[in-house]
């Protein structure tokens, strides 16, 4: 599909508006916003405004991908105090890495509760950029499979819990459907995942999201062009010419990864097409006021079709925000409760 027709189709897509709906969702009404971070936008941008957590050192692991590309992912591993608890694998969102504030906070949170933790840097992200010719995208679920298979046996002896944020949440859900039954996966949790990539891309074209689009696009394009990436002239030109993620997905991500265009890429990779196939306990956390990922796909999905899916939709929380009163990481508390309920 040509870029012009892609844009035309998007103008009619639903926005992140409408009354709260409990259909198929377990209302997580316990979330209360931490002042002064009122509303979805402030909840979202707080991750960029707060002081970065103090560094949390760990054991460096270099995990080889099995696709013949020669790409290797860097990860940070911390052994937990409770040998009976599973390994928690934390996966950052678009343009993030092991140093992202929400990843650092999550790592410390689970370590303090006895879990072993792995902070995985996806292809082209952070320390994985120099060791990867290729770039991660929403559908690279096999990368997570390869990374888990490359881990030391002792690290996964008690099973694995996957926690994916934002775009990595979509990838984690796809991974759960494709590989969850074949690996020692105890549970999966997604935080603010764009389960419908087309609707999310449409939402990012709205004028109210111009700052989000500009910041994320700038950071991701910089990552795509950083030393280590292998690009031809056309790919480099497409990255530099992109003015939004529709352009980037249509002219770079899709053709580079064997998809016809952006629409083919979204349809092939979005979690909506895989949720029915998930066989491991899966928690999906999302906020109604997320300014980046519309809530409508969560409200419209027939959750009763798969008893292994546990959606929780809060009225507030923004995008990977959930900064609650008492300085509690509400979303991490919900993941912990979810794990406790499943032994």
C-alpha atoms as a PDB file:
ATOM      1  CA  UNK A   1       0.000   0.000   0.000  1.00  0.00           C
ATOM      2  CA  UNK A   2       1.377   3.413  -0.922  1.00  0.00           C
ATOM      3  CA  UNK A   3       2.032   5.895   1.865  1.00  0.00           C
ATOM      4  CA  UNK A   4      -0.792   8.210   0.802  1.00  0.00           C
ATOM      5  CA  UNK A   5      -3.431   5.455   1.066  1.00  0.00           C
ATOM      6  CA  UNK A   6      -2.006   4.417   4.443  1.00  0.00           C
ATOM      7  CA  UNK A   7      -2.490   7.962   5.751  1.00  0.00           C
ATOM      8  CA  UNK A   8      -6.044   8.175   4.333  1.00  0.00           C
ATOM      9  CA  UNK A   9      -7.060   4.955   6.062  1.00  0.00           C
ATOM     10  CA  UNK A  10      -5.692   6.258   9.358  1.00  0.00           C
ATOM     11  CA  UNK A  11      -7.787   9.406   9.519  1.00  0.00           C
ATOM     12  CA  UNK A  12     -10.881   7.285  10.170  1.00  0.00           C
ATOM     13  CA  UNK A  13      -9.277   5.159  12.900  1.00  0.00           C
ATOM     14  CA  UNK A  14     -10.694   5.423  16.438  1.00  0.00           C
ATOM     15  CA  UNK A  15      -8.969   7.744  18.873  1.00  0.00           C
ATOM     16  CA  UNK A  16      -8.128   7.235  22.538  1.00  0.00           C
ATOM     17  CA  UNK A  17     -11.496   8.555  23.616  1.00  0.00           C
ATOM     18  CA  UNK A  18     -14.763   7.201  24.921  1.00  0.00           C
ATOM     19  CA  UNK A  19     -16.296   6.076  28.199  1.00  0.00           C
ATOM     20  CA  UNK A  20     -14.613   3.555  30.428  1.00  0.00           C
ATOM     21  CA  UNK A  21     -15.807   0.029  29.674  1.00  0.00           C
ATOM     22  CA  UNK A  22     -15.293  -3.090  31.779  1.00  0.00           C
ATOM     23  CA  UNK A  23     -16.009  -5.593  29.009  1.00  0.00           C
ATOM     24  CA  UNK A  24     -13.671  -8.531  29.492  1.00  0.00           C
ATOM     25  CA  UNK A  25     -11.406  -6.547  31.788  1.00  0.00           C
ATOM     26  CA  UNK A  26     -10.558  -6.874  35.453  1.00  0.00           C
ATOM     27  CA  UNK A  27     -10.812  -3.297  36.722  1.00  0.00           C
ATOM     28  CA  UNK A  28      -7.654  -2.423  38.633  1.00  0.00           C
ATOM     29  CA  UNK A  29      -9.293   0.368  40.571  1.00  0.00           C
ATOM     30  CA  UNK A  30      -6.625   0.498  43.259  1.00  0.00           C
ATOM     31  CA  UNK A  31      -4.422   2.811  41.202  1.00  0.00           C
ATOM     32  CA  UNK A  32      -4.327   6.385  42.470  1.00  0.00           C
ATOM     33  CA  UNK A  33      -2.203   9.005  40.777  1.00  0.00           C
ATOM     34  CA  UNK A  34       0.748  10.446  42.611  1.00  0.00           C
ATOM     35  CA  UNK A  35       0.569  14.261  42.675  1.00  0.00           C
ATOM     36  CA  UNK A  36       1.577  16.352  40.858  1.00  0.00           C
ATOM     37  CA  UNK A  37       1.525  13.830  38.010  1.00  0.00           C
ATOM     38  CA  UNK A  38      -2.148  14.243  37.127  1.00  0.00           C
ATOM     39  CA  UNK A  39      -3.442  12.773  33.881  1.00  0.00           C
ATOM     40  CA  UNK A  40      -2.045  10.528  31.195  1.00  0.00           C
ATOM     41  CA  UNK A  41       0.471  12.951  29.747  1.00  0.00           C
ATOM     42  CA  UNK A  42       2.165  13.826  33.019  1.00  0.00           C
ATOM     43  CA  UNK A  43       2.141  10.188  34.082  1.00  0.00           C
ATOM     44  CA  UNK A  44       3.871   9.380  30.791  1.00  0.00           C
ATOM     45  CA  UNK A  45       6.527  12.092  30.724  1.00  0.00           C
ATOM     46  CA  UNK A  46       7.525  11.604  34.362  1.00  0.00           C
ATOM     47  CA  UNK A  47       9.777   8.721  33.283  1.00  0.00           C
ATOM     48  CA  UNK A  48      11.829  11.225  31.283  1.00  0.00           C
ATOM     49  CA  UNK A  49      11.804  13.979  33.906  1.00  0.00           C
ATOM     50  CA  UNK A  50      12.757  12.141  37.081  1.00  0.00           C
ATOM     51  CA  UNK A  51      16.358  11.643  38.061  1.00  0.00           C
ATOM     52  CA  UNK A  52      17.744   8.365  36.783  1.00  0.00           C
ATOM     53  CA  UNK A  53      17.999   5.662  39.468  1.00  0.00           C
ATOM     54  CA  UNK A  54      21.467   4.923  40.750  1.00  0.00           C
ATOM     55  CA  UNK A  55      23.247   2.347  38.567  1.00  0.00           C
ATOM     56  CA  UNK A  56      22.592  -1.273  39.388  1.00  0.00           C
ATOM     57  CA  UNK A  57      25.601  -3.349  38.284  1.00  0.00           C
ATOM     58  CA  UNK A  58      25.191  -6.912  37.091  1.00  0.00           C
ATOM     59  CA  UNK A  59      26.867  -9.755  35.251  1.00  0.00           C
ATOM     60  CA  UNK A  60      27.310  -9.061  31.534  1.00  0.00           C
ATOM     61  CA  UNK A  61      25.983 -11.758  29.203  1.00  0.00           C
ATOM     62  CA  UNK A  62      26.395 -11.816  25.421  1.00  0.00           C
ATOM     63  CA  UNK A  63      23.583 -13.842  23.858  1.00  0.00           C
ATOM     64  CA  UNK A  64      23.897 -15.073  20.270  1.00  0.00           C
ATOM     65  CA  UNK A  65      20.929 -14.996  17.904  1.00  0.00           C
ATOM     66  CA  UNK A  66      20.246 -18.220  15.991  1.00  0.00           C
ATOM     67  CA  UNK A  67      19.217 -16.704  12.647  1.00  0.00           C
ATOM     68  CA  UNK A  68      22.689 -16.724  11.080  1.00  0.00           C
ATOM     69  CA  UNK A  69      23.028 -12.935  11.194  1.00  0.00           C
ATOM     70  CA  UNK A  70      25.865 -13.021  13.707  1.00  0.00           C
ATOM     71  CA  UNK A  71      23.939 -10.553  15.882  1.00  0.00           C
ATOM     72  CA  UNK A  72      24.436 -10.818  19.651  1.00  0.00           C
ATOM     73  CA  UNK A  73      22.393  -9.192  22.402  1.00  0.00           C
ATOM     74  CA  UNK A  74      23.925  -7.785  25.558  1.00  0.00           C
ATOM     75  CA  UNK A  75      22.103  -8.381  28.808  1.00  0.00           C
ATOM     76  CA  UNK A  76      22.645  -7.653  32.503  1.00  0.00           C
ATOM     77  CA  UNK A  77      21.997 -10.512  34.920  1.00  0.00           C
ATOM     78  CA  UNK A  78      21.519 -10.321  38.696  1.00  0.00           C
ATOM     79  CA  UNK A  79      21.047 -13.469  40.756  1.00  0.00           C
ATOM     80  CA  UNK A  80      18.273 -13.221  43.323  1.00  0.00           C
ATOM     81  CA  UNK A  81      18.405 -14.264  46.965  1.00  0.00           C
ATOM     82  CA  UNK A  82      15.565 -16.779  46.669  1.00  0.00           C
ATOM     83  CA  UNK A  83      16.724 -19.728  44.573  1.00  0.00           C
ATOM     84  CA  UNK A  84      13.157 -21.049  44.355  1.00  0.00           C
ATOM     85  CA  UNK A  85      11.849 -18.020  42.447  1.00  0.00           C
ATOM     86  CA  UNK A  86      11.850 -17.737  38.643  1.00  0.00           C
ATOM     87  CA  UNK A  87      14.000 -15.452  36.556  1.00  0.00           C
ATOM     88  CA  UNK A  88      12.303 -12.168  35.590  1.00  0.00           C
ATOM     89  CA  UNK A  89      13.279 -11.015  32.082  1.00  0.00           C
ATOM     90  CA  UNK A  90      12.705  -7.274  31.595  1.00  0.00           C
ATOM     91  CA  UNK A  91      12.416  -5.969  28.031  1.00  0.00           C
ATOM     92  CA  UNK A  92      12.482  -2.249  27.240  1.00  0.00           C
ATOM     93  CA  UNK A  93      10.282  -0.384  24.799  1.00  0.00           C
ATOM     94  CA  UNK A  94      11.066   1.573  21.627  1.00  0.00           C
ATOM     95  CA  UNK A  95      14.358   3.525  21.821  1.00  0.00           C
ATOM     96  CA  UNK A  96      14.924   2.221  25.356  1.00  0.00           C
ATOM     97  CA  UNK A  97      17.617   0.013  26.866  1.00  0.00           C
ATOM     98  CA  UNK A  98      18.855  -1.383  30.179  1.00  0.00           C
ATOM     99  CA  UNK A  99      19.396   2.190  31.433  1.00  0.00           C
ATOM    100  CA  UNK A 100      15.794   3.333  30.906  1.00  0.00           C
ATOM    101  CA  UNK A 101      14.392   4.498  34.233  1.00  0.00           C
ATOM    102  CA  UNK A 102      11.431   2.093  34.185  1.00  0.00           C
ATOM    103  CA  UNK A 103      13.776  -0.847  33.521  1.00  0.00           C
ATOM    104  CA  UNK A 104      16.189   0.145  36.293  1.00  0.00           C
ATOM    105  CA  UNK A 105      13.325   0.637  38.753  1.00  0.00           C
ATOM    106  CA  UNK A 106      11.807  -2.708  37.785  1.00  0.00           C
ATOM    107  CA  UNK A 107      15.121  -4.540  38.152  1.00  0.00           C
ATOM    108  CA  UNK A 108      15.645  -3.212  41.652  1.00  0.00           C
ATOM    109  CA  UNK A 109      12.010  -3.920  42.574  1.00  0.00           C
ATOM    110  CA  UNK A 110      12.188  -7.623  41.709  1.00  0.00           C
ATOM    111  CA  UNK A 111      15.690  -8.090  43.103  1.00  0.00           C
ATOM    112  CA  UNK A 112      14.592  -6.687  46.447  1.00  0.00           C
ATOM    113  CA  UNK A 113      11.891  -9.373  46.503  1.00  0.00           C
ATOM    114  CA  UNK A 114      14.276 -12.243  45.887  1.00  0.00           C
ATOM    115  CA  UNK A 115      13.882 -12.744  42.127  1.00  0.00           C
ATOM    116  CA  UNK A 116      16.770 -13.127  39.717  1.00  0.00           C
ATOM    117  CA  UNK A 117      16.559 -10.474  36.984  1.00  0.00           C
ATOM    118  CA  UNK A 118      17.755 -10.192  33.398  1.00  0.00           C
ATOM    119  CA  UNK A 119      17.695  -6.814  31.635  1.00  0.00           C
ATOM    120  CA  UNK A 120      17.727  -7.589  27.919  1.00  0.00           C
ATOM    121  CA  UNK A 121      18.891  -5.061  25.317  1.00  0.00           C
ATOM    122  CA  UNK A 122      17.126  -5.783  22.032  1.00  0.00           C
ATOM    123  CA  UNK A 123      18.824  -5.660  18.629  1.00  0.00           C
ATOM    124  CA  UNK A 124      20.354  -2.259  18.039  1.00  0.00           C
ATOM    125  CA  UNK A 125      19.463  -0.948  21.497  1.00  0.00           C
ATOM    126  CA  UNK A 126      21.978   0.462  23.966  1.00  0.00           C
ATOM    127  CA  UNK A 127      25.001  -1.816  24.358  1.00  0.00           C
ATOM    128  CA  UNK A 128      23.547  -4.223  21.753  1.00  0.00           C
ATOM    129  CA  UNK A 129      23.989  -1.682  18.943  1.00  0.00           C
ATOM    130  CA  UNK A 130      27.679  -2.366  18.184  1.00  0.00           C
ATOM    131  CA  UNK A 131      27.095  -6.146  18.152  1.00  0.00           C
ATOM    132  CA  UNK A 132      24.004  -6.125  15.908  1.00  0.00           C
ATOM    133  CA  UNK A 133      23.788  -5.428  12.205  1.00  0.00           C
ATOM    134  CA  UNK A 134      19.983  -5.612  12.308  1.00  0.00           C
ATOM    135  CA  UNK A 135      17.344  -3.715  14.254  1.00  0.00           C
ATOM    136  CA  UNK A 136      14.581  -4.912  16.550  1.00  0.00           C
ATOM    137  CA  UNK A 137      10.923  -4.440  15.641  1.00  0.00           C
ATOM    138  CA  UNK A 138       7.496  -5.304  17.049  1.00  0.00           C
ATOM    139  CA  UNK A 139       7.489  -8.849  15.694  1.00  0.00           C
ATOM    140  CA  UNK A 140      10.964 -10.119  16.578  1.00  0.00           C
ATOM    141  CA  UNK A 141       9.651 -12.675  19.061  1.00  0.00           C
ATOM    142  CA  UNK A 142      12.246 -15.241  18.013  1.00  0.00           C
ATOM    143  CA  UNK A 143      14.966 -12.959  19.392  1.00  0.00           C
ATOM    144  CA  UNK A 144      13.486 -13.426  22.851  1.00  0.00           C
ATOM    145  CA  UNK A 145      13.343 -17.183  22.279  1.00  0.00           C
ATOM    146  CA  UNK A 146      17.001 -17.255  21.208  1.00  0.00           C
ATOM    147  CA  UNK A 147      18.048 -15.122  24.177  1.00  0.00           C
ATOM    148  CA  UNK A 148      16.315 -17.402  26.690  1.00  0.00           C
ATOM    149  CA  UNK A 149      17.799 -20.515  25.084  1.00  0.00           C
ATOM    150  CA  UNK A 150      21.264 -18.936  25.276  1.00  0.00           C
ATOM    151  CA  UNK A 151      21.043 -18.308  29.028  1.00  0.00           C
ATOM    152  CA  UNK A 152      22.976 -20.485  31.494  1.00  0.00           C
ATOM    153  CA  UNK A 153      20.906 -23.471  32.596  1.00  0.00           C
ATOM    154  CA  UNK A 154      21.088 -22.407  36.231  1.00  0.00           C
ATOM    155  CA  UNK A 155      19.501 -19.045  35.423  1.00  0.00           C
ATOM    156  CA  UNK A 156      16.312 -20.622  34.058  1.00  0.00           C
ATOM    157  CA  UNK A 157      16.122 -23.624  36.383  1.00  0.00           C
ATOM    158  CA  UNK A 158      13.060 -22.231  38.201  1.00  0.00           C
ATOM    159  CA  UNK A 159      11.381 -20.996  35.052  1.00  0.00           C
ATOM    160  CA  UNK A 160      11.090 -17.587  33.420  1.00  0.00           C
ATOM    161  CA  UNK A 161       8.700 -14.658  33.773  1.00  0.00           C
ATOM    162  CA  UNK A 162       8.728 -12.244  30.830  1.00  0.00           C
ATOM    163  CA  UNK A 163       7.801  -8.591  31.463  1.00  0.00           C
ATOM    164  CA  UNK A 164       7.621  -6.488  28.295  1.00  0.00           C
ATOM    165  CA  UNK A 165       7.069  -2.734  28.199  1.00  0.00           C
ATOM    166  CA  UNK A 166       5.318  -0.812  25.402  1.00  0.00           C
ATOM    167  CA  UNK A 167       6.403  -2.146  21.968  1.00  0.00           C
ATOM    168  CA  UNK A 168       8.287  -4.991  23.675  1.00  0.00           C
ATOM    169  CA  UNK A 169       4.987  -5.840  25.351  1.00  0.00           C
ATOM    170  CA  UNK A 170       3.535  -6.568  21.924  1.00  0.00           C
ATOM    171  CA  UNK A 171       6.596  -8.661  21.078  1.00  0.00           C
ATOM    172  CA  UNK A 172       6.299 -10.535  24.395  1.00  0.00           C
ATOM    173  CA  UNK A 173       2.659 -11.416  23.735  1.00  0.00           C
ATOM    174  CA  UNK A 174       3.534 -12.708  20.270  1.00  0.00           C
ATOM    175  CA  UNK A 175       6.390 -14.671  21.850  1.00  0.00           C
ATOM    176  CA  UNK A 176       4.004 -16.202  24.408  1.00  0.00           C
ATOM    177  CA  UNK A 177       1.766 -17.468  21.605  1.00  0.00           C
ATOM    178  CA  UNK A 178       4.569 -18.858  19.470  1.00  0.00           C
ATOM    179  CA  UNK A 179       7.072 -20.221  21.998  1.00  0.00           C
ATOM    180  CA  UNK A 180       5.546 -20.083  25.472  1.00  0.00           C
ATOM    181  CA  UNK A 181       4.552 -23.758  25.495  1.00  0.00           C
ATOM    182  CA  UNK A 182       8.017 -24.923  24.375  1.00  0.00           C
ATOM    183  CA  UNK A 183      10.114 -23.023  26.929  1.00  0.00           C
ATOM    184  CA  UNK A 184      10.075 -22.901  30.750  1.00  0.00           C
ATOM    185  CA  UNK A 185       7.827 -19.835  30.765  1.00  0.00           C
ATOM    186  CA  UNK A 186       5.916 -19.436  34.037  1.00  0.00           C
ATOM    187  CA  UNK A 187       4.054 -16.251  33.059  1.00  0.00           C
ATOM    188  CA  UNK A 188       4.113 -13.212  30.784  1.00  0.00           C
ATOM    189  CA  UNK A 189       3.157  -9.626  31.591  1.00  0.00           C
ATOM    190  CA  UNK A 190       2.781  -6.730  29.162  1.00  0.00           C
ATOM    191  CA  UNK A 191       2.743  -3.088  30.270  1.00  0.00           C
ATOM    192  CA  UNK A 192       1.092  -0.543  27.928  1.00  0.00           C
ATOM    193  CA  UNK A 193       1.461  -2.826  24.916  1.00  0.00           C
ATOM    194  CA  UNK A 194       0.231  -1.590  21.500  1.00  0.00           C
ATOM    195  CA  UNK A 195      -1.703  -4.761  20.686  1.00  0.00           C
ATOM    196  CA  UNK A 196      -3.127  -3.122  17.529  1.00  0.00           C
ATOM    197  CA  UNK A 197      -0.189  -1.543  15.701  1.00  0.00           C
ATOM    198  CA  UNK A 198      -2.289   0.133  13.004  1.00  0.00           C
ATOM    199  CA  UNK A 199      -4.507   1.968  15.488  1.00  0.00           C
ATOM    200  CA  UNK A 200      -1.488   2.975  17.563  1.00  0.00           C
ATOM    201  CA  UNK A 201       0.266   4.331  14.476  1.00  0.00           C
ATOM    202  CA  UNK A 202      -2.875   6.278  13.584  1.00  0.00           C
ATOM    203  CA  UNK A 203      -2.976   7.725  17.071  1.00  0.00           C
ATOM    204  CA  UNK A 204       0.623   8.933  16.779  1.00  0.00           C
ATOM    205  CA  UNK A 205      -0.336  10.990  13.707  1.00  0.00           C
ATOM    206  CA  UNK A 206      -2.751  13.126  15.739  1.00  0.00           C
ATOM    207  CA  UNK A 207      -1.643  16.700  16.317  1.00  0.00           C
ATOM    208  CA  UNK A 208      -1.885  16.317  20.108  1.00  0.00           C
ATOM    209  CA  UNK A 209       0.879  13.685  19.896  1.00  0.00           C
ATOM    210  CA  UNK A 210       3.340  15.690  17.807  1.00  0.00           C
ATOM    211  CA  UNK A 211       5.846  15.958  20.667  1.00  0.00           C
ATOM    212  CA  UNK A 212       5.696  12.234  21.450  1.00  0.00           C
ATOM    213  CA  UNK A 213       6.133  11.410  17.779  1.00  0.00           C
ATOM    214  CA  UNK A 214       9.064  13.781  17.399  1.00  0.00           C
ATOM    215  CA  UNK A 215      10.941  12.603  20.476  1.00  0.00           C
ATOM    216  CA  UNK A 216      10.465   8.859  19.915  1.00  0.00           C
ATOM    217  CA  UNK A 217      11.166   9.090  16.191  1.00  0.00           C
ATOM    218  CA  UNK A 218      14.338  11.109  16.740  1.00  0.00           C
ATOM    219  CA  UNK A 219      15.682   8.693  19.353  1.00  0.00           C
ATOM    220  CA  UNK A 220      14.799   5.559  17.378  1.00  0.00           C
ATOM    221  CA  UNK A 221      16.232   6.883  14.095  1.00  0.00           C
ATOM    222  CA  UNK A 222      19.432   7.820  15.895  1.00  0.00           C
ATOM    223  CA  UNK A 223      19.608   4.255  17.187  1.00  0.00           C
ATOM    224  CA  UNK A 224      19.002   2.838  13.692  1.00  0.00           C
ATOM    225  CA  UNK A 225      21.873   4.925  12.271  1.00  0.00           C
ATOM    226  CA  UNK A 226      24.386   4.382  15.078  1.00  0.00           C
ATOM    227  CA  UNK A 227      27.704   2.563  14.472  1.00  0.00           C
ATOM    228  CA  UNK A 228      27.188  -1.161  14.138  1.00  0.00           C
ATOM    229  CA  UNK A 229      24.066  -0.989  11.985  1.00  0.00           C
ATOM    230  CA  UNK A 230      24.463  -2.350   8.465  1.00  0.00           C
ATOM    231  CA  UNK A 231      22.417  -0.225   6.050  1.00  0.00           C
ATOM    232  CA  UNK A 232      22.393   0.347   2.319  1.00  0.00           C
ATOM    233  CA  UNK A 233      21.952   3.794   0.807  1.00  0.00           C
ATOM    234  CA  UNK A 234      18.196   3.476   0.303  1.00  0.00           C
ATOM    235  CA  UNK A 235      17.643   2.357   3.896  1.00  0.00           C
ATOM    236  CA  UNK A 236      19.723   5.171   5.294  1.00  0.00           C
ATOM    237  CA  UNK A 237      17.850   7.695   3.138  1.00  0.00           C
ATOM    238  CA  UNK A 238      14.458   6.295   4.274  1.00  0.00           C
ATOM    239  CA  UNK A 239      15.414   6.658   7.928  1.00  0.00           C
ATOM    240  CA  UNK A 240      16.622  10.213   7.486  1.00  0.00           C
ATOM    241  CA  UNK A 241      13.533  11.213   5.468  1.00  0.00           C
ATOM    242  CA  UNK A 242      10.951   9.761   7.895  1.00  0.00           C
ATOM    243  CA  UNK A 243       8.731  12.355   9.561  1.00  0.00           C
ATOM    244  CA  UNK A 244       6.628   9.891  11.555  1.00  0.00           C
ATOM    245  CA  UNK A 245       6.406   6.170  12.264  1.00  0.00           C
ATOM    246  CA  UNK A 246       4.129   5.563   9.292  1.00  0.00           C
ATOM    247  CA  UNK A 247       6.952   6.738   7.033  1.00  0.00           C
ATOM    248  CA  UNK A 248       9.560   4.756   8.927  1.00  0.00           C
ATOM    249  CA  UNK A 249       7.552   1.529   9.049  1.00  0.00           C
ATOM    250  CA  UNK A 250       6.469   1.795   5.413  1.00  0.00           C
ATOM    251  CA  UNK A 251       9.812   2.768   3.900  1.00  0.00           C
ATOM    252  CA  UNK A 252      12.356   1.118   6.218  1.00  0.00           C
ATOM    253  CA  UNK A 253      11.068  -1.421   8.744  1.00  0.00           C
ATOM    254  CA  UNK A 254       8.684  -3.264   6.399  1.00  0.00           C
ATOM    255  CA  UNK A 255      10.918  -3.730   3.329  1.00  0.00           C
ATOM    256  CA  UNK A 256      14.001  -4.460   5.434  1.00  0.00           C
ATOM    257  CA  UNK A 257      12.196  -7.324   7.151  1.00  0.00           C
ATOM    258  CA  UNK A 258      10.375  -8.869   4.201  1.00  0.00           C
ATOM    259  CA  UNK A 259       6.935  -7.207   4.568  1.00  0.00           C
ATOM    260  CA  UNK A 260       5.151  -5.587   1.621  1.00  0.00           C
ATOM    261  CA  UNK A 261       4.471  -2.310   3.407  1.00  0.00           C
ATOM    262  CA  UNK A 262       3.573  -0.875   6.789  1.00  0.00           C
ATOM    263  CA  UNK A 263       0.089  -2.416   6.781  1.00  0.00           C
ATOM    264  CA  UNK A 264       1.487  -5.875   6.077  1.00  0.00           C
ATOM    265  CA  UNK A 265       4.069  -5.434   8.852  1.00  0.00           C
ATOM    266  CA  UNK A 266       1.462  -4.326  11.394  1.00  0.00           C
ATOM    267  CA  UNK A 267      -1.023  -7.057  10.490  1.00  0.00           C
ATOM    268  CA  UNK A 268       1.666  -9.747  10.661  1.00  0.00           C
ATOM    269  CA  UNK A 269       3.191  -8.648  13.963  1.00  0.00           C
ATOM    270  CA  UNK A 270       0.491  -7.135  16.154  1.00  0.00           C
ATOM    271  CA  UNK A 271      -0.456  -9.100  19.261  1.00  0.00           C
ATOM    272  CA  UNK A 272      -4.172  -9.081  18.421  1.00  0.00           C
ATOM    273  CA  UNK A 273      -3.565 -11.843  15.917  1.00  0.00           C
ATOM    274  CA  UNK A 274      -1.823 -14.054  18.486  1.00  0.00           C
ATOM    275  CA  UNK A 275      -3.740 -13.643  21.756  1.00  0.00           C
ATOM    276  CA  UNK A 276      -6.032 -16.643  21.165  1.00  0.00           C
ATOM    277  CA  UNK A 277      -2.988 -18.927  20.848  1.00  0.00           C
ATOM    278  CA  UNK A 278      -1.375 -18.043  24.210  1.00  0.00           C
ATOM    279  CA  UNK A 279      -1.228 -20.999  26.596  1.00  0.00           C
ATOM    280  CA  UNK A 280       0.719 -19.530  29.540  1.00  0.00           C
ATOM    281  CA  UNK A 281      -0.768 -17.197  32.206  1.00  0.00           C
ATOM    282  CA  UNK A 282      -0.553 -13.705  30.732  1.00  0.00           C
ATOM    283  CA  UNK A 283      -1.270 -10.376  32.405  1.00  0.00           C
ATOM    284  CA  UNK A 284      -2.008  -7.353  30.211  1.00  0.00           C
ATOM    285  CA  UNK A 285      -1.884  -4.001  32.045  1.00  0.00           C
ATOM    286  CA  UNK A 286      -3.086  -0.863  30.334  1.00  0.00           C
ATOM    287  CA  UNK A 287      -4.426   2.588  31.199  1.00  0.00           C
ATOM    288  CA  UNK A 288      -7.466   4.177  29.653  1.00  0.00           C
ATOM    289  CA  UNK A 289      -5.712   7.558  29.498  1.00  0.00           C
ATOM    290  CA  UNK A 290      -2.574   6.273  27.739  1.00  0.00           C
ATOM    291  CA  UNK A 291      -1.831   9.075  25.232  1.00  0.00           C
ATOM    292  CA  UNK A 292       0.279   6.870  22.960  1.00  0.00           C
ATOM    293  CA  UNK A 293      -1.542   3.510  22.837  1.00  0.00           C
ATOM    294  CA  UNK A 294      -5.360   3.784  22.486  1.00  0.00           C
ATOM    295  CA  UNK A 295      -7.415   1.688  24.872  1.00  0.00           C
ATOM    296  CA  UNK A 296     -10.119   0.773  22.322  1.00  0.00           C
ATOM    297  CA  UNK A 297      -8.503  -2.519  21.175  1.00  0.00           C
ATOM    298  CA  UNK A 298      -8.438  -3.682  24.804  1.00  0.00           C
ATOM    299  CA  UNK A 299     -12.083  -2.822  25.331  1.00  0.00           C
ATOM    300  CA  UNK A 300     -13.222  -4.463  22.104  1.00  0.00           C
ATOM    301  CA  UNK A 301     -11.294  -7.719  22.371  1.00  0.00           C
ATOM    302  CA  UNK A 302     -13.306 -10.859  23.388  1.00  0.00           C
ATOM    303  CA  UNK A 303     -11.155 -11.806  26.383  1.00  0.00           C
ATOM    304  CA  UNK A 304     -13.400 -14.727  27.252  1.00  0.00           C
ATOM    305  CA  UNK A 305     -12.044 -16.642  24.259  1.00  0.00           C
ATOM    306  CA  UNK A 306      -8.851 -17.521  26.165  1.00  0.00           C
ATOM    307  CA  UNK A 307      -8.842 -18.288  29.887  1.00  0.00           C
ATOM    308  CA  UNK A 308      -5.065 -17.755  30.073  1.00  0.00           C
ATOM    309  CA  UNK A 309      -5.414 -14.013  29.430  1.00  0.00           C
ATOM    310  CA  UNK A 310      -5.865 -11.616  32.365  1.00  0.00           C
ATOM    311  CA  UNK A 311      -6.413  -7.992  31.226  1.00  0.00           C
ATOM    312  CA  UNK A 312      -6.431  -5.181  33.795  1.00  0.00           C
ATOM    313  CA  UNK A 313      -7.433  -1.705  32.679  1.00  0.00           C
ATOM    314  CA  UNK A 314      -7.056   1.283  34.988  1.00  0.00           C
ATOM    315  CA  UNK A 315      -8.713   4.644  34.443  1.00  0.00           C
ATOM    316  CA  UNK A 316      -5.389   6.448  34.883  1.00  0.00           C
ATOM    317  CA  UNK A 317      -1.709   5.687  34.534  1.00  0.00           C
ATOM    318  CA  UNK A 318      -0.562   7.020  31.162  1.00  0.00           C
ATOM    319  CA  UNK A 319       1.957   5.134  29.044  1.00  0.00           C
ATOM    320  CA  UNK A 320       4.343   3.003  31.141  1.00  0.00           C
ATOM    321  CA  UNK A 321       3.534   5.435  33.944  1.00  0.00           C
ATOM    322  CA  UNK A 322       1.444   4.151  36.848  1.00  0.00           C
ATOM    323  CA  UNK A 323       3.214   6.463  39.299  1.00  0.00           C
ATOM    324  CA  UNK A 324       1.046   5.889  42.342  1.00  0.00           C
ATOM    325  CA  UNK A 325       0.592   7.576  45.689  1.00  0.00           C
ATOM    326  CA  UNK A 326       3.061   6.468  48.299  1.00  0.00           C
ATOM    327  CA  UNK A 327       5.696   6.249  45.546  1.00  0.00           C
ATOM    328  CA  UNK A 328       4.551   2.715  44.764  1.00  0.00           C
ATOM    329  CA  UNK A 329       5.197   1.180  41.309  1.00  0.00           C
ATOM    330  CA  UNK A 330       1.574   0.105  40.898  1.00  0.00           C
ATOM    331  CA  UNK A 331       2.150  -1.913  37.734  1.00  0.00           C
ATOM    332  CA  UNK A 332       4.969  -3.903  39.338  1.00  0.00           C
ATOM    333  CA  UNK A 333       2.823  -4.574  42.401  1.00  0.00           C
ATOM    334  CA  UNK A 334       0.148  -5.941  40.056  1.00  0.00           C
ATOM    335  CA  UNK A 335       2.681  -8.229  38.344  1.00  0.00           C
ATOM    336  CA  UNK A 336       3.889  -9.469  41.731  1.00  0.00           C
ATOM    337  CA  UNK A 337       0.330 -10.221  42.886  1.00  0.00           C
ATOM    338  CA  UNK A 338      -0.350 -11.987  39.593  1.00  0.00           C
ATOM    339  CA  UNK A 339       2.687 -14.225  40.087  1.00  0.00           C
ATOM    340  CA  UNK A 340       1.800 -14.944  43.714  1.00  0.00           C
ATOM    341  CA  UNK A 341      -1.699 -16.039  42.735  1.00  0.00           C
ATOM    342  CA  UNK A 342      -0.228 -18.556  40.319  1.00  0.00           C
ATOM    343  CA  UNK A 343       2.333 -20.061  42.687  1.00  0.00           C
END
